[in-house]
């Protein structure tokens, strides 16, 4: 089962004249900004049209390790820092983060990737509990989110876990109808932005094992108006397993396309108790770098939706959910086949 994090990341560039900050563990010295030109020394991997955040926790960690003479480790961590990952705007005021990232991406002719993760009663009160206080607050938040994107090119992954938590019963029944309506309205609002694509989250193959159980709920949540659905967010299922699952779901949804989170699935999932293996599992690796060159007509992109190196929660020695964890990030990079 997927368990998600919410991270406040200020995706800004010195060239824009804005301050940069991030949610990070004390190991990263956030008092010294990452200085890179707007043209981006952090170039996306070949075949990726997505924007790289040069002020990410990974980029700051690279800079700090370079200053400390830890050149080999810094070089490994560039496998994360130099690749695009989604931004998760947090709090009641998402506009500054979104506007800064969208503006920077537009300057480079690239697409910014965002996660909208603020649905009321989020994560059933678990590691990533929270979200908007009620339906009205959520509608206002989505309105601000959409306005901040403006005319820039953006890809939005909408509300990880929200639909799957309806299907698995984690979200109480009295919230189901409201949640589906809020998701459907969010899709319509976000799609009013001229260059925004929206993918509604649909869990992962190890969560709702029978994909058909998601179909009716996704339809009620407005999937018809979205560009498609997202799979494997913050999880570790292999590409082929996820694509097989996605094809079945797509067939039941009239041929909808999908995107796959490959941020940490390079070694697949950890074996063991499904209720435990999702949280900071050891021995994992970065997966396929973000790209739209997927070789599959139904898969619009491989994305790093979960930001590699940010903790799933306080398990296995990790910091709070969403906090940067340099040692775990280094393990992901070291174990990858890049």
Protein backbone atom coordinates (compact mmCIF):
# COMPACT_ATOMS: atom_id res chain seq x y z
CA UNK A 1 0.00 0.00 0.00
CA UNK A 2 1.18 3.44 -0.82
CA UNK A 3 1.85 5.90 1.96
CA UNK A 4 2.68 9.38 0.87
CA UNK A 5 4.47 12.44 2.06
CA UNK A 6 3.82 16.13 1.73
CA UNK A 7 6.87 18.32 1.29
CA UNK A 8 7.12 22.09 1.10
CA UNK A 9 9.63 22.78 -1.63
CA UNK A 10 10.44 26.23 -2.92
CA UNK A 11 11.39 25.58 -6.51
CA UNK A 12 13.01 28.85 -7.39
CA UNK A 13 16.07 30.12 -9.13
CA UNK A 14 18.48 32.88 -8.24
CA UNK A 15 17.86 34.30 -11.70
CA UNK A 16 14.26 34.95 -10.74
CA UNK A 17 15.32 37.00 -7.73
CA UNK A 18 13.39 34.76 -5.30
CA UNK A 19 14.47 33.04 -2.11
CA UNK A 20 14.88 29.27 -2.14
CA UNK A 21 14.19 26.91 0.73
CA UNK A 22 13.19 23.32 1.32
CA UNK A 23 12.01 20.89 3.92
CA UNK A 24 15.13 19.04 4.94
CA UNK A 25 16.91 17.23 7.72
CA UNK A 26 19.56 19.16 9.66
CA UNK A 27 22.38 17.50 7.71
CA UNK A 28 21.75 19.80 4.75
CA UNK A 29 23.00 23.36 5.19
CA UNK A 30 20.07 25.35 3.84
CA UNK A 31 21.71 28.67 4.64
CA UNK A 32 23.84 28.42 1.51
CA UNK A 33 21.73 28.49 -1.65
CA UNK A 34 22.39 26.40 -4.70
CA UNK A 35 23.61 28.86 -7.32
CA UNK A 36 22.80 27.83 -10.87
CA UNK A 37 21.86 29.78 -13.95
CA UNK A 38 18.30 29.82 -15.26
CA UNK A 39 19.45 27.77 -18.25
CA UNK A 40 20.07 25.00 -15.73
CA UNK A 41 23.25 23.15 -14.96
CA UNK A 42 20.87 20.50 -13.66
CA UNK A 43 19.85 19.20 -17.07
CA UNK A 44 17.07 16.63 -17.43
CA UNK A 45 18.06 13.17 -18.55
CA UNK A 46 18.00 12.60 -22.29
CA UNK A 47 14.46 12.28 -23.58
CA UNK A 48 12.88 14.14 -20.66
CA UNK A 49 10.96 17.36 -21.27
CA UNK A 50 10.50 17.97 -17.54
CA UNK A 51 11.98 20.74 -15.43
CA UNK A 52 14.69 20.03 -12.84
CA UNK A 53 14.47 21.92 -9.55
CA UNK A 54 17.99 23.29 -8.91
CA UNK A 55 17.13 24.11 -5.29
CA UNK A 56 15.96 20.63 -4.34
CA UNK A 57 17.19 18.96 -1.14
CA UNK A 58 19.29 16.63 -3.28
CA UNK A 59 20.96 19.54 -5.08
CA UNK A 60 21.76 21.22 -1.77
CA UNK A 61 23.17 17.98 -0.40
CA UNK A 62 25.42 17.62 -3.44
CA UNK A 63 26.75 21.12 -2.92
CA UNK A 64 27.37 20.51 0.76
CA UNK A 65 29.19 17.23 0.16
CA UNK A 66 31.33 18.85 -2.53
CA UNK A 67 32.37 21.53 -0.02
CA UNK A 68 33.19 18.80 2.49
CA UNK A 69 35.36 16.90 0.01
CA UNK A 70 32.92 13.99 -0.31
CA UNK A 71 33.26 14.02 -4.10
CA UNK A 72 32.35 10.38 -4.75
CA UNK A 73 29.16 10.59 -2.74
CA UNK A 74 28.24 13.91 -4.30
CA UNK A 75 28.73 12.41 -7.75
CA UNK A 76 26.41 9.53 -6.91
CA UNK A 77 23.74 11.84 -5.53
CA UNK A 78 23.69 13.81 -8.78
CA UNK A 79 21.73 10.84 -10.12
CA UNK A 80 18.89 12.35 -8.11
CA UNK A 81 19.75 16.05 -8.12
CA UNK A 82 20.16 16.32 -11.89
CA UNK A 83 16.85 14.67 -12.75
CA UNK A 84 13.30 16.05 -12.61
CA UNK A 85 11.06 15.14 -9.69
CA UNK A 86 7.56 16.30 -8.85
CA UNK A 87 6.93 19.20 -6.51
CA UNK A 88 4.41 18.79 -3.70
CA UNK A 89 3.14 22.29 -2.79
CA UNK A 90 2.01 22.25 0.82
CA UNK A 91 0.02 24.38 3.18
CA UNK A 92 -2.92 26.67 2.60
CA UNK A 93 -0.97 28.91 0.23
CA UNK A 94 0.50 26.84 -2.64
CA UNK A 95 0.87 29.73 -5.06
CA UNK A 96 4.49 30.84 -4.39
CA UNK A 97 5.94 27.36 -4.93
CA UNK A 98 3.85 26.70 -8.03
CA UNK A 99 4.35 30.10 -9.63
CA UNK A 100 8.11 29.97 -9.14
CA UNK A 101 8.45 26.48 -10.59
CA UNK A 102 6.07 27.14 -13.48
CA UNK A 103 7.90 30.36 -14.35
CA UNK A 104 11.31 28.70 -14.21
CA UNK A 105 10.12 25.77 -16.31
CA UNK A 106 8.59 28.10 -18.89
CA UNK A 107 11.88 29.98 -19.21
CA UNK A 108 13.50 26.70 -20.20
CA UNK A 109 10.63 25.54 -22.40
CA UNK A 110 9.97 22.61 -20.07
CA UNK A 111 7.07 21.12 -18.16
CA UNK A 112 6.81 21.40 -14.38
CA UNK A 113 5.44 18.33 -12.58
CA UNK A 114 3.25 18.88 -9.52
CA UNK A 115 1.34 16.73 -7.07
CA UNK A 116 -1.94 18.05 -5.68
CA UNK A 117 -2.15 16.35 -2.28
CA UNK A 118 -4.53 18.13 0.05
CA UNK A 119 -7.81 16.21 -0.02
CA UNK A 120 -9.79 16.35 3.26
CA UNK A 121 -9.24 13.34 5.56
CA UNK A 122 -6.01 12.53 3.74
CA UNK A 123 -4.23 9.23 4.38
CA UNK A 124 -6.85 8.08 6.91
CA UNK A 125 -4.99 9.74 9.77
CA UNK A 126 -1.74 7.85 9.18
CA UNK A 127 1.81 9.06 8.42
CA UNK A 128 0.68 11.73 5.95
CA UNK A 129 -2.53 12.73 7.70
CA UNK A 130 -3.89 16.20 7.12
CA UNK A 131 -5.34 17.91 4.09
CA UNK A 132 -7.83 20.71 3.70
CA UNK A 133 -10.16 21.23 6.64
CA UNK A 134 -13.33 20.76 4.55
CA UNK A 135 -14.73 20.72 1.02
CA UNK A 136 -14.90 24.51 0.70
CA UNK A 137 -11.28 24.90 1.76
CA UNK A 138 -10.22 22.26 -0.76
CA UNK A 139 -12.08 23.92 -3.61
CA UNK A 140 -10.39 27.22 -2.77
CA UNK A 141 -7.01 25.49 -2.60
CA UNK A 142 -7.48 23.90 -6.02
CA UNK A 143 -8.53 27.27 -7.44
CA UNK A 144 -5.30 28.85 -6.17
CA UNK A 145 -3.30 25.87 -7.41
CA UNK A 146 -4.71 26.18 -10.92
CA UNK A 147 -4.34 29.96 -11.09
CA UNK A 148 -0.71 29.70 -10.04
CA UNK A 149 0.06 27.39 -12.98
CA UNK A 150 -1.28 29.98 -15.40
CA UNK A 151 -0.41 29.38 -19.04
CA UNK A 152 2.74 27.38 -18.28
CA UNK A 153 3.12 23.75 -19.28
CA UNK A 154 2.38 21.55 -16.29
CA UNK A 155 1.57 17.97 -15.41
CA UNK A 156 -0.46 17.44 -12.23
CA UNK A 157 -0.79 14.12 -10.42
CA UNK A 158 -4.04 14.47 -8.52
CA UNK A 159 -4.44 13.21 -4.96
CA UNK A 160 -2.35 10.08 -4.48
CA UNK A 161 -4.18 7.43 -2.43
CA UNK A 162 -7.54 9.24 -2.53
CA UNK A 163 -9.44 6.80 -4.74
CA UNK A 164 -7.66 3.65 -3.58
CA UNK A 165 -8.45 4.53 0.03
CA UNK A 166 -12.12 4.60 -0.91
CA UNK A 167 -11.87 1.15 -2.47
CA UNK A 168 -9.91 -0.46 0.38
CA UNK A 169 -12.27 0.96 3.00
CA UNK A 170 -9.66 3.05 4.81
CA UNK A 171 -11.59 6.25 4.15
CA UNK A 172 -14.91 6.17 6.08
CA UNK A 173 -17.99 5.73 3.91
CA UNK A 174 -19.54 9.06 4.84
CA UNK A 175 -16.71 10.83 2.99
CA UNK A 176 -16.82 8.83 -0.25
CA UNK A 177 -19.36 10.86 -2.19
CA UNK A 178 -17.85 14.19 -1.22
CA UNK A 179 -14.36 13.00 -2.13
CA UNK A 180 -15.42 11.78 -5.56
CA UNK A 181 -17.16 15.08 -6.25
CA UNK A 182 -14.14 17.10 -5.12
CA UNK A 183 -11.82 15.09 -7.35
CA UNK A 184 -14.12 15.45 -10.35
CA UNK A 185 -14.36 19.20 -9.81
CA UNK A 186 -10.58 19.49 -9.36
CA UNK A 187 -9.97 17.79 -12.69
CA UNK A 188 -12.32 20.14 -14.49
CA UNK A 189 -10.77 23.20 -12.84
CA UNK A 190 -7.18 22.19 -13.51
CA UNK A 191 -7.97 21.34 -17.13
CA UNK A 192 -9.14 24.91 -17.67
CA UNK A 193 -5.46 25.85 -17.71
CA UNK A 194 -4.49 25.68 -21.38
CA UNK A 195 -1.29 23.65 -21.05
CA UNK A 196 -2.00 21.48 -18.01
CA UNK A 197 -2.33 17.71 -18.05
CA UNK A 198 -4.01 15.91 -15.15
CA UNK A 199 -3.57 12.29 -14.05
CA UNK A 200 -5.81 10.96 -11.28
CA UNK A 201 -4.03 8.56 -8.93
CA UNK A 202 -5.11 4.90 -9.08
CA UNK A 203 -2.85 3.23 -6.53
CA UNK A 204 -0.49 0.39 -7.44
CA UNK A 205 -0.68 -3.29 -8.42
CA UNK A 206 0.11 -4.53 -4.90
CA UNK A 207 -2.66 -2.49 -3.28
CA UNK A 208 -6.02 -3.03 -4.98
CA UNK A 209 -5.18 -6.37 -6.53
CA UNK A 210 -8.23 -6.49 -8.79
CA UNK A 211 -8.00 -3.39 -10.95
CA UNK A 212 -11.66 -3.68 -11.86
CA UNK A 213 -12.60 -2.61 -8.33
CA UNK A 214 -11.19 0.84 -9.08
CA UNK A 215 -13.09 1.43 -12.29
CA UNK A 216 -16.44 2.68 -11.00
CA UNK A 217 -14.79 4.85 -8.36
CA UNK A 218 -12.44 6.42 -10.90
CA UNK A 219 -15.39 7.14 -13.16
CA UNK A 220 -17.27 8.80 -10.31
CA UNK A 221 -14.14 10.83 -9.57
CA UNK A 222 -14.15 12.29 -13.08
CA UNK A 223 -11.49 10.24 -14.86
CA UNK A 224 -13.30 10.89 -18.16
CA UNK A 225 -12.18 14.52 -18.05
CA UNK A 226 -8.58 13.75 -17.04
CA UNK A 227 -5.71 12.98 -19.36
CA UNK A 228 -5.36 9.64 -17.60
CA UNK A 229 -4.37 8.03 -14.33
CA UNK A 230 -1.18 7.62 -12.30
CA UNK A 231 0.22 4.37 -10.89
CA UNK A 232 2.84 3.30 -8.36
CA UNK A 233 3.15 6.67 -6.63
CA UNK A 234 5.63 6.31 -3.74
CA UNK A 235 5.70 2.55 -4.27
CA UNK A 236 8.19 0.05 -5.62
CA UNK A 237 6.39 -2.16 -8.13
CA UNK A 238 8.47 -2.95 -11.26
CA UNK A 239 7.71 -1.22 -14.53
CA UNK A 240 6.40 -4.31 -16.31
CA UNK A 241 4.15 -5.31 -13.40
CA UNK A 242 2.75 -1.80 -13.23
CA UNK A 243 2.23 -1.49 -16.97
CA UNK A 244 0.39 -4.82 -17.11
CA UNK A 245 -1.92 -3.59 -14.36
CA UNK A 246 -2.33 -0.24 -16.10
CA UNK A 247 -3.29 -1.85 -19.41
CA UNK A 248 -6.10 -3.79 -17.74
CA UNK A 249 -7.35 -0.66 -16.03
CA UNK A 250 -7.05 1.34 -19.24
CA UNK A 251 -9.14 -1.20 -21.12
CA UNK A 252 -11.91 -0.85 -18.55
CA UNK A 253 -11.69 2.95 -18.79
CA UNK A 254 -12.07 3.24 -22.54
CA UNK A 255 -8.38 3.38 -23.38
CA UNK A 256 -7.23 6.01 -20.90
CA UNK A 257 -3.48 6.61 -20.83
CA UNK A 258 -1.39 6.56 -17.67
CA UNK A 259 1.90 7.62 -16.07
CA UNK A 260 4.12 5.51 -13.81
CA UNK A 261 6.18 6.56 -10.80
CA UNK A 262 9.63 5.00 -11.28
CA UNK A 263 11.42 6.99 -8.61
CA UNK A 264 12.34 4.06 -6.36
CA UNK A 265 11.39 0.86 -8.17
CA UNK A 266 14.77 -0.08 -9.63
CA UNK A 267 15.04 -3.16 -7.41
CA UNK A 268 11.33 -3.78 -7.10
CA UNK A 269 9.54 -4.12 -3.75
CA UNK A 270 10.97 -5.53 -0.54
CA UNK A 271 9.61 -8.96 0.33
CA UNK A 272 7.71 -9.30 3.57
CA UNK A 273 4.63 -8.05 5.36
CA UNK A 274 2.77 -5.73 2.93
CA UNK A 275 1.82 -3.50 5.84
CA UNK A 276 5.52 -2.87 6.57
CA UNK A 277 7.48 -3.01 3.31
CA UNK A 278 6.18 0.32 1.98
CA UNK A 279 7.96 2.45 4.60
CA UNK A 280 11.63 3.26 3.88
CA UNK A 281 12.46 -0.28 2.75
CA UNK A 282 16.22 -0.93 2.60
CA UNK A 283 18.06 -1.97 -0.53
CA UNK A 284 15.86 -0.11 -3.00
CA UNK A 285 17.13 1.71 -6.08
CA UNK A 286 16.25 4.52 -8.44
CA UNK A 287 14.18 3.35 -11.39
CA UNK A 288 13.79 4.45 -14.99
CA UNK A 289 14.71 8.15 -15.36
CA UNK A 290 11.81 10.49 -16.11
CA UNK A 291 10.93 10.53 -19.78
CA UNK A 292 8.05 10.59 -22.23
CA UNK A 293 9.90 8.13 -24.47
CA UNK A 294 8.27 5.06 -22.93
CA UNK A 295 7.91 2.79 -25.96
CA UNK A 296 4.32 2.08 -24.92
CA UNK A 297 1.41 3.93 -26.54
CA UNK A 298 -0.61 3.86 -23.31
CA UNK A 299 2.20 5.08 -21.03
CA UNK A 300 2.53 8.84 -21.42
CA UNK A 301 5.54 9.16 -19.12
CA UNK A 302 7.77 7.61 -16.53
CA UNK A 303 7.99 10.15 -13.70
CA UNK A 304 9.71 10.56 -10.36
CA UNK A 305 6.58 11.52 -8.47
CA UNK A 306 7.77 10.54 -5.02
CA UNK A 307 10.90 12.63 -4.50
CA UNK A 308 13.76 10.15 -4.03
CA UNK A 309 15.43 10.56 -0.67
CA UNK A 310 12.45 11.97 1.20
CA UNK A 311 11.31 9.79 4.06
CA UNK A 312 8.10 7.74 4.10
CA UNK A 313 7.80 8.22 7.85
CA UNK A 314 9.48 7.50 11.15
CA UNK A 315 10.29 3.88 10.49
CA UNK A 316 13.64 2.10 10.06
CA UNK A 317 15.39 5.11 11.57
CA UNK A 318 13.93 7.63 9.17
CA UNK A 319 12.86 11.21 9.93
CA UNK A 320 9.25 12.39 9.72
CA UNK A 321 7.34 11.84 6.50
CA UNK A 322 8.50 14.21 3.79
CA UNK A 323 11.82 15.09 5.41
CA UNK A 324 15.02 14.76 3.44
CA UNK A 325 17.12 11.71 4.43
CA UNK A 326 20.56 11.90 2.84
CA UNK A 327 21.67 8.37 3.74
CA UNK A 328 18.57 6.82 2.22
CA UNK A 329 18.95 8.96 -0.90
CA UNK A 330 22.55 7.86 -1.26
CA UNK A 331 21.49 4.23 -1.02
CA UNK A 332 18.93 4.69 -3.79
CA UNK A 333 21.54 6.30 -6.00
CA UNK A 334 24.27 3.76 -5.22
CA UNK A 335 21.97 0.82 -5.92
CA UNK A 336 20.67 2.20 -9.21
CA UNK A 337 21.83 0.94 -12.57
CA UNK A 338 22.27 4.43 -13.96
